[in-house]
Protein backbone atom coordinates (compact mmCIF):
# COMPACT_ATOMS: atom_id res chain seq x y z
CA MET A 1 -7.05 29.49 32.89
CA THR A 2 -3.49 29.52 34.21
CA PRO A 3 -0.56 29.21 31.77
CA ILE A 4 0.32 25.76 33.16
CA ARG A 5 -3.27 24.53 32.68
CA SER A 6 -3.30 26.00 29.15
CA ILE A 7 -0.08 24.22 28.24
CA ALA A 8 -1.30 20.97 29.81
CA SER A 9 -4.63 21.23 27.99
CA ALA A 10 -2.90 21.90 24.68
CA ALA A 11 -0.53 18.96 25.21
CA LEU A 12 -3.45 16.69 26.06
CA LEU A 13 -5.28 17.69 22.87
CA VAL A 14 -2.21 16.99 20.73
CA CYS A 15 -1.49 13.63 22.36
CA LEU A 16 -4.95 12.07 22.59
CA PRO A 17 -5.64 9.66 19.71
CA GLY A 18 -8.88 9.89 17.82
CA LEU A 19 -9.23 13.64 18.08
CA PRO A 20 -9.54 15.75 14.93
CA ALA A 21 -6.32 16.66 13.15
CA GLN A 22 -4.52 19.72 14.36
CA ALA A 23 -2.30 21.83 12.12
CA GLY A 24 0.82 19.84 11.34
CA ASN A 25 -0.60 16.60 12.80
CA PRO A 26 -0.79 13.91 10.05
CA VAL A 27 -2.65 11.42 12.25
CA ALA A 28 -6.10 12.19 10.83
CA GLN A 29 -7.10 13.29 7.34
CA ALA A 30 -9.81 15.93 7.01
CA ASP A 31 -10.83 14.95 3.47
CA PRO A 32 -11.53 11.22 2.92
CA ALA A 33 -11.49 11.61 -0.89
CA THR A 34 -8.01 13.09 -0.71
CA ALA A 35 -6.83 10.29 1.59
CA ARG A 36 -8.27 7.65 -0.76
CA CYS A 37 -6.36 9.13 -3.68
CA GLU A 38 -3.18 9.34 -1.58
CA VAL A 39 -3.48 5.59 -0.94
CA TRP A 40 -4.23 5.00 -4.65
CA ASP A 41 -1.08 6.91 -5.58
CA SER A 42 0.93 5.10 -2.89
CA GLU A 43 -0.20 1.75 -4.31
CA LEU A 44 0.90 2.86 -7.78
CA ALA A 45 4.26 4.01 -6.37
CA PHE A 46 4.62 0.64 -4.64
CA ALA A 47 4.03 -1.18 -7.96
CA LYS A 48 6.42 1.21 -9.71
CA SER A 49 9.16 0.37 -7.18
CA ILE A 50 9.00 -3.24 -8.40
CA ALA A 51 8.78 -2.27 -12.09
CA THR A 52 11.86 -0.04 -11.80
CA HIS A 53 13.76 -2.46 -9.50
CA ASP A 54 14.02 0.20 -6.78
CA ALA A 55 14.56 -1.63 -3.49
CA ALA A 56 14.83 1.60 -1.48
CA ALA A 57 11.48 2.92 -2.77
CA PHE A 58 9.88 -0.48 -2.11
CA ALA A 59 11.20 -0.57 1.47
CA ALA A 60 10.11 3.02 2.13
CA LEU A 61 6.48 2.03 1.46
CA VAL A 62 6.51 -1.04 3.73
CA HIS A 63 5.64 -0.43 7.39
CA ALA A 64 8.43 -1.47 9.78
CA GLN A 65 6.14 -4.09 11.39
CA ALA A 66 4.32 -5.16 8.20
CA ALA A 67 3.07 -8.70 7.55
CA PHE A 68 3.06 -10.04 3.98
CA GLY A 69 1.44 -13.30 2.90
CA VAL A 70 -1.04 -13.10 5.75
CA SER A 71 -3.30 -15.92 4.51
CA ARG A 72 -0.46 -18.45 4.84
CA LYS A 73 2.74 -18.36 6.90
CA PRO A 74 3.36 -14.59 6.95
CA THR A 75 6.65 -12.83 6.53
CA LEU A 76 6.99 -10.30 9.35
CA GLY A 77 8.88 -7.01 9.35
CA ARG A 78 10.22 -4.72 6.64
CA GLU A 79 13.72 -6.23 6.50
CA ALA A 80 12.44 -9.81 6.13
CA ILE A 81 9.90 -8.74 3.51
CA VAL A 82 12.52 -6.90 1.45
CA ARG A 83 14.77 -9.99 1.60
CA GLU A 84 11.91 -12.29 0.59
CA TRP A 85 10.86 -10.02 -2.28
CA GLN A 86 14.41 -9.50 -3.62
CA GLY A 87 13.80 -11.71 -6.68
CA LEU A 88 10.64 -9.73 -7.45
CA ILE A 89 12.33 -6.39 -6.84
CA ASP A 90 15.26 -7.18 -9.13
CA GLY A 91 13.06 -9.03 -11.63
CA SER A 92 15.06 -12.26 -11.56
CA ALA A 93 12.36 -14.49 -10.04
CA LEU A 94 9.26 -13.00 -11.60
CA LYS A 95 8.01 -9.87 -13.30
CA LEU A 96 5.12 -8.60 -11.19
CA GLU A 97 2.74 -5.80 -12.14
CA TRP A 98 -0.38 -4.57 -10.35
CA TYR A 99 -2.59 -1.56 -9.87
CA PRO A 100 -5.52 -0.69 -7.64
CA ASP A 101 -9.11 -0.72 -8.78
CA VAL A 102 -10.53 -0.35 -5.26
CA VAL A 103 -9.41 1.81 -2.35
CA THR A 104 -11.60 2.09 0.74
CA LEU A 105 -10.84 4.24 3.76
CA GLY A 106 -11.89 2.98 7.18
CA GLY A 107 -11.60 3.58 10.87
CA ASP A 108 -10.35 7.02 11.84
CA GLY A 109 -9.00 7.83 8.38
CA ARG A 110 -5.54 6.39 8.98
CA ILE A 111 -6.31 2.92 7.57
CA ALA A 112 -7.24 1.92 4.03
CA TYR A 113 -7.79 -1.24 2.02
CA SER A 114 -6.54 -1.44 -1.55
CA SER A 115 -7.17 -4.20 -4.07
CA GLY A 116 -6.79 -4.81 -7.78
CA PRO A 117 -5.54 -7.09 -10.53
CA ALA A 118 -2.02 -8.49 -10.62
CA LEU A 119 -0.08 -9.88 -13.57
CA TYR A 120 2.87 -12.23 -13.15
CA GLN A 121 5.32 -13.10 -15.93
CA ASP A 122 7.92 -15.84 -15.76
CA PRO A 123 11.20 -14.24 -16.97
CA ARG A 124 12.43 -17.57 -18.41
CA THR A 125 9.35 -18.66 -20.37
CA GLY A 126 7.42 -15.41 -20.81
CA ALA A 127 4.25 -17.19 -19.58
CA TYR A 128 1.68 -15.04 -17.78
CA ARG A 129 -0.47 -15.71 -14.73
CA HIS A 130 -3.06 -13.39 -13.24
CA GLY A 131 -4.59 -12.85 -9.82
CA ARG A 132 -5.62 -10.15 -7.37
CA PHE A 133 -3.83 -8.48 -4.50
CA GLY A 134 -5.17 -7.02 -1.29
CA SER A 135 -3.24 -4.56 0.86
CA VAL A 136 -3.99 -2.72 4.08
CA TRP A 137 -2.34 0.69 4.34
CA GLN A 138 -1.78 2.83 7.42
CA ARG A 139 -0.88 6.49 7.60
CA ASP A 140 2.37 6.37 9.55
CA VAL A 141 3.44 8.96 12.13
CA ASP A 142 5.37 10.89 9.46
CA GLY A 143 2.20 11.17 7.32
CA THR A 144 3.34 8.59 4.74
CA TRP A 145 0.97 5.79 3.78
CA ARG A 146 2.70 2.41 4.28
CA VAL A 147 1.58 -1.17 3.68
CA VAL A 148 0.95 -3.05 6.94
CA PHE A 149 -0.70 -6.21 5.51
CA ASP A 150 -0.37 -7.64 2.01
CA ASP A 151 -1.67 -10.77 0.35
CA GLY A 152 -3.26 -12.00 -2.82
CA LEU A 153 -5.13 -14.75 -4.55
CA LYS A 154 -3.16 -17.65 -5.97
CA PRO A 155 -2.35 -16.70 -9.57
CA GLU A 156 -3.88 -18.71 -12.41
CA PRO A 157 -2.63 -19.08 -16.00
CA ALA A 158 -3.61 -16.02 -18.05
CA SER A 159 -4.88 -16.01 -21.61
CA GLU A 160 -3.81 -13.33 -24.10
CA ALA A 161 -7.25 -11.73 -23.64
CA GLN A 162 -6.72 -11.56 -19.86
CA VAL A 163 -3.28 -9.98 -20.34
CA GLN A 164 -4.82 -7.42 -22.72
CA ALA A 165 -7.64 -6.70 -20.23
CA PHE A 166 -5.05 -6.11 -17.51
CA ARG A 167 -3.12 -3.70 -19.75
CA ALA A 168 -6.34 -1.89 -20.73
CA GLY A 169 -7.04 -1.14 -17.06
CA GLN A 170 -3.60 0.32 -16.35
CA GLY A 171 -3.25 4.04 -16.02
CA ALA A 172 -6.66 4.74 -14.55
CA GLY A 173 -6.45 7.47 -11.98
CA CYS A 174 -8.13 7.62 -8.61
CA PRO A 175 -11.88 7.64 -9.29
CA ALA A 176 -14.17 10.19 -7.71
CA VAL A 177 -16.50 8.74 -5.13
């Protein structure tokens, strides 16, 4: 094989989507269990960004072309989402907590679905509501998992037992498959 054909062949292998990961290429993940736990940890980091009022960390985990609130009129794009979530990020509108209890990898290993319980607290009254979230994550070109779609069930009033059940489930690590 000539040097030009070798270079062209190597470039083709690096550029074609759907091929196995090459060294330094974050597009595919060799170990699905590792990728699942990366998404689990990313979801926890996403929730932590709200708990610690860290707008920069929140924005860093939202894909540039993300869509939030996809089951109604969605908010499109990272900047619009960060603006819309400002009262959640700073805690003035609502205290929001969540964690995953399900993470499923799909497709070519660059897409995952995450879901779990969510707890909402009104900062004025202290009243709690509970629901579930669902997020679709994508491994971005830099290897970081970012949310591309996010939504949830309409929250319902929460009893003290439901708040305690939510708290009891916090802190669970990524389960082995």
